[in-house]
Amino acid sequence: MMMGMGFGLFGLVFMFLFLAVVIALGIWLVSALFPRDTQSVTPDGQDLSARQILDVRYARGEITREQYETMKQDINGGG
């Protein structure tokens, strides 16, 4: 005598459907919490220069003044 749950094929399909929904929700949650940064392109579609990106990062507070000055010298070719 089988001691199964009695759901048969329907239970198997429901389990895979449930797992697909859980995985999709997980992917959506990760993408909502960690959006892609697409700020390297201006609204008119032109790429920002390295200096403009550096200026933006400094303005946002992502880098310190010392890091900014060092990177600016690297970009300008000065050592």
N, C-alpha and C. Protein backbone atom coordinates (compact mmCIF):
# COMPACT_ATOMS: atom_id res chain seq x y z
N MET A 1 0.85 -1.18 0.00
CA MET A 1 0.00 0.00 0.00
C MET A 1 0.89 1.25 0.00
N MET A 2 0.58 2.22 -0.86
CA MET A 2 1.37 3.46 -0.94
C MET A 2 0.92 4.43 0.14
N MET A 3 1.89 5.10 0.72
CA MET A 3 1.59 6.05 1.79
C MET A 3 1.86 7.48 1.32
N GLY A 4 1.56 7.82 0.08
CA GLY A 4 1.81 9.14 -0.48
C GLY A 4 0.82 10.17 0.02
N MET A 5 1.01 11.39 -0.42
CA MET A 5 0.13 12.48 -0.03
C MET A 5 -1.19 12.46 -0.79
N GLY A 6 -1.20 11.77 -1.91
CA GLY A 6 -2.44 11.67 -2.66
C GLY A 6 -2.65 12.77 -3.68
N PHE A 7 -1.65 13.61 -3.91
CA PHE A 7 -1.80 14.69 -4.87
C PHE A 7 -1.41 14.26 -6.28
N GLY A 8 -0.57 13.29 -6.42
CA GLY A 8 -0.20 12.75 -7.72
C GLY A 8 0.45 13.77 -8.63
N LEU A 9 0.08 13.75 -9.88
CA LEU A 9 0.66 14.63 -10.89
C LEU A 9 0.34 16.09 -10.59
N PHE A 10 -0.85 16.37 -10.11
CA PHE A 10 -1.23 17.74 -9.78
C PHE A 10 -0.29 18.31 -8.72
N GLY A 11 0.05 17.51 -7.73
CA GLY A 11 0.96 17.97 -6.67
C GLY A 11 2.34 18.28 -7.19
N LEU A 12 2.83 17.47 -8.13
CA LEU A 12 4.14 17.70 -8.72
C LEU A 12 4.15 18.99 -9.53
N VAL A 13 3.12 19.19 -10.35
CA VAL A 13 3.02 20.42 -11.15
C VAL A 13 2.90 21.64 -10.24
N PHE A 14 2.07 21.53 -9.21
CA PHE A 14 1.89 22.64 -8.28
C PHE A 14 3.19 22.98 -7.58
N MET A 15 3.97 21.96 -7.21
CA MET A 15 5.26 22.19 -6.53
C MET A 15 6.22 22.96 -7.44
N PHE A 16 6.31 22.55 -8.72
CA PHE A 16 7.20 23.25 -9.64
C PHE A 16 6.72 24.67 -9.91
N LEU A 17 5.41 24.85 -10.01
CA LEU A 17 4.86 26.19 -10.21
C LEU A 17 5.16 27.07 -9.00
N PHE A 18 4.99 26.53 -7.82
CA PHE A 18 5.28 27.27 -6.59
C PHE A 18 6.76 27.66 -6.52
N LEU A 19 7.65 26.74 -6.85
CA LEU A 19 9.08 27.04 -6.84
C LEU A 19 9.43 28.10 -7.88
N ALA A 20 8.81 28.05 -9.04
CA ALA A 20 9.06 29.06 -10.08
C ALA A 20 8.64 30.44 -9.60
N VAL A 21 7.51 30.52 -8.92
CA VAL A 21 7.03 31.80 -8.40
C VAL A 21 7.98 32.32 -7.32
N VAL A 22 8.43 31.45 -6.44
CA VAL A 22 9.36 31.86 -5.38
C VAL A 22 10.67 32.36 -5.98
N ILE A 23 11.20 31.66 -6.98
CA ILE A 23 12.44 32.08 -7.63
C ILE A 23 12.25 33.42 -8.34
N ALA A 24 11.13 33.58 -9.04
CA ALA A 24 10.85 34.84 -9.74
C ALA A 24 10.75 36.00 -8.75
N LEU A 25 10.09 35.78 -7.63
CA LEU A 25 10.00 36.83 -6.61
C LEU A 25 11.37 37.17 -6.03
N GLY A 26 12.21 36.15 -5.85
CA GLY A 26 13.56 36.39 -5.35
C GLY A 26 14.37 37.23 -6.32
N ILE A 27 14.29 36.91 -7.60
CA ILE A 27 15.00 37.68 -8.62
C ILE A 27 14.49 39.11 -8.66
N TRP A 28 13.17 39.28 -8.59
CA TRP A 28 12.59 40.63 -8.60
C TRP A 28 13.06 41.43 -7.38
N LEU A 29 13.09 40.78 -6.22
CA LEU A 29 13.50 41.46 -4.99
C LEU A 29 14.95 41.91 -5.07
N VAL A 30 15.83 41.04 -5.55
CA VAL A 30 17.24 41.41 -5.68
C VAL A 30 17.41 42.56 -6.66
N SER A 31 16.69 42.52 -7.79
CA SER A 31 16.82 43.60 -8.77
C SER A 31 16.23 44.90 -8.25
N ALA A 32 15.23 44.83 -7.38
CA ALA A 32 14.66 46.05 -6.80
C ALA A 32 15.58 46.64 -5.74
N LEU A 33 16.27 45.78 -4.99
CA LEU A 33 17.15 46.28 -3.94
C LEU A 33 18.49 46.78 -4.48
N PHE A 34 18.93 46.22 -5.59
CA PHE A 34 20.22 46.58 -6.17
C PHE A 34 20.06 46.97 -7.63
N PRO A 35 19.51 48.15 -7.90
CA PRO A 35 19.30 48.55 -9.29
C PRO A 35 20.62 48.79 -10.01
N ARG A 36 20.60 48.62 -11.30
CA ARG A 36 21.80 48.87 -12.10
C ARG A 36 22.03 50.36 -12.22
N ASP A 37 23.30 50.75 -12.20
CA ASP A 37 23.64 52.16 -12.32
C ASP A 37 23.87 52.48 -13.79
N THR A 38 22.97 53.27 -14.36
CA THR A 38 23.09 53.62 -15.77
C THR A 38 23.40 55.10 -15.93
N GLN A 39 24.11 55.67 -14.96
CA GLN A 39 24.39 57.09 -14.97
C GLN A 39 25.60 57.48 -15.82
N SER A 40 26.22 56.52 -16.53
CA SER A 40 27.38 56.86 -17.34
C SER A 40 26.98 57.37 -18.72
N VAL A 41 25.67 57.54 -18.93
CA VAL A 41 25.18 58.07 -20.19
C VAL A 41 24.30 59.28 -19.88
N THR A 42 24.50 60.35 -20.62
CA THR A 42 23.71 61.55 -20.42
C THR A 42 22.31 61.34 -20.99
N PRO A 43 21.35 62.21 -20.65
CA PRO A 43 20.00 62.05 -21.17
C PRO A 43 19.92 62.06 -22.70
N ASP A 44 20.86 62.74 -23.36
CA ASP A 44 20.82 62.77 -24.82
C ASP A 44 21.57 61.58 -25.43
N GLY A 45 22.02 60.64 -24.61
CA GLY A 45 22.62 59.41 -25.11
C GLY A 45 24.12 59.43 -25.27
N GLN A 46 24.78 60.53 -24.91
CA GLN A 46 26.23 60.61 -25.05
C GLN A 46 26.91 60.07 -23.80
N ASP A 47 28.01 59.36 -24.01
CA ASP A 47 28.77 58.83 -22.88
C ASP A 47 29.45 59.97 -22.13
N LEU A 48 29.54 59.82 -20.82
CA LEU A 48 30.27 60.79 -20.01
C LEU A 48 31.75 60.49 -20.10
N SER A 49 32.56 61.53 -20.00
CA SER A 49 34.00 61.32 -19.98
C SER A 49 34.40 60.79 -18.61
N ALA A 50 35.62 60.29 -18.53
CA ALA A 50 36.13 59.77 -17.26
C ALA A 50 36.12 60.88 -16.20
N ARG A 51 36.48 62.08 -16.60
CA ARG A 51 36.50 63.22 -15.67
C ARG A 51 35.10 63.56 -15.18
N GLN A 52 34.12 63.50 -16.07
CA GLN A 52 32.75 63.79 -15.66
C GLN A 52 32.23 62.74 -14.68
N ILE A 53 32.55 61.48 -14.94
CA ILE A 53 32.15 60.41 -14.03
C ILE A 53 32.82 60.60 -12.67
N LEU A 54 34.10 60.97 -12.68
CA LEU A 54 34.82 61.23 -11.44
C LEU A 54 34.19 62.39 -10.68
N ASP A 55 33.84 63.45 -11.38
CA ASP A 55 33.19 64.60 -10.74
C ASP A 55 31.86 64.20 -10.10
N VAL A 56 31.09 63.39 -10.81
CA VAL A 56 29.80 62.94 -10.29
C VAL A 56 29.99 62.08 -9.04
N ARG A 57 30.95 61.17 -9.09
CA ARG A 57 31.21 60.30 -7.93
C ARG A 57 31.63 61.13 -6.72
N TYR A 58 32.45 62.15 -6.93
CA TYR A 58 32.88 63.02 -5.83
C TYR A 58 31.70 63.82 -5.29
N ALA A 59 30.87 64.32 -6.20
CA ALA A 59 29.71 65.10 -5.79
C ALA A 59 28.72 64.25 -4.98
N ARG A 60 28.61 63.00 -5.31
CA ARG A 60 27.70 62.10 -4.58
C ARG A 60 28.28 61.67 -3.24
N GLY A 61 29.56 61.92 -3.02
CA GLY A 61 30.20 61.52 -1.78
C GLY A 61 30.68 60.07 -1.79
N GLU A 62 30.80 59.49 -2.98
CA GLU A 62 31.25 58.10 -3.09
C GLU A 62 32.75 57.97 -2.86
N ILE A 63 33.50 59.05 -3.09
CA ILE A 63 34.94 59.03 -2.90
C ILE A 63 35.36 60.25 -2.09
N THR A 64 36.50 60.14 -1.42
CA THR A 64 37.01 61.25 -0.62
C THR A 64 37.73 62.26 -1.51
N ARG A 65 38.05 63.41 -0.93
CA ARG A 65 38.78 64.44 -1.69
C ARG A 65 40.15 63.93 -2.12
N GLU A 66 40.82 63.19 -1.24
CA GLU A 66 42.13 62.65 -1.58
C GLU A 66 42.04 61.67 -2.75
N GLN A 67 41.03 60.80 -2.71
CA GLN A 67 40.83 59.86 -3.81
C GLN A 67 40.52 60.61 -5.11
N TYR A 68 39.70 61.65 -4.97
CA TYR A 68 39.33 62.45 -6.13
C TYR A 68 40.57 63.08 -6.77
N GLU A 69 41.40 63.70 -5.95
CA GLU A 69 42.59 64.38 -6.47
C GLU A 69 43.55 63.37 -7.12
N THR A 70 43.74 62.21 -6.50
CA THR A 70 44.61 61.18 -7.05
C THR A 70 44.08 60.68 -8.38
N MET A 71 42.81 60.40 -8.43
CA MET A 71 42.21 59.90 -9.68
C MET A 71 42.22 60.96 -10.77
N LYS A 72 42.01 62.21 -10.37
CA LYS A 72 42.03 63.30 -11.35
C LYS A 72 43.42 63.41 -11.97
N GLN A 73 44.47 63.27 -11.15
CA GLN A 73 45.84 63.31 -11.68
C GLN A 73 46.09 62.13 -12.62
N ASP A 74 45.58 60.95 -12.25
CA ASP A 74 45.73 59.78 -13.12
C ASP A 74 45.05 59.99 -14.46
N ILE A 75 43.87 60.57 -14.43
CA ILE A 75 43.12 60.81 -15.67
C ILE A 75 43.85 61.82 -16.56
N ASN A 76 44.39 62.87 -15.92
CA ASN A 76 45.06 63.92 -16.68
C ASN A 76 46.45 63.54 -17.12
N GLY A 77 46.93 62.36 -16.66
CA GLY A 77 48.23 61.89 -17.09
C GLY A 77 49.38 62.42 -16.26
N GLY A 78 49.06 63.14 -15.22
CA GLY A 78 50.13 63.67 -14.36
C GLY A 78 50.43 62.72 -13.23
N GLY A 79 51.62 62.73 -12.74
CA GLY A 79 51.96 61.81 -11.66
C GLY A 79 52.42 62.57 -10.50
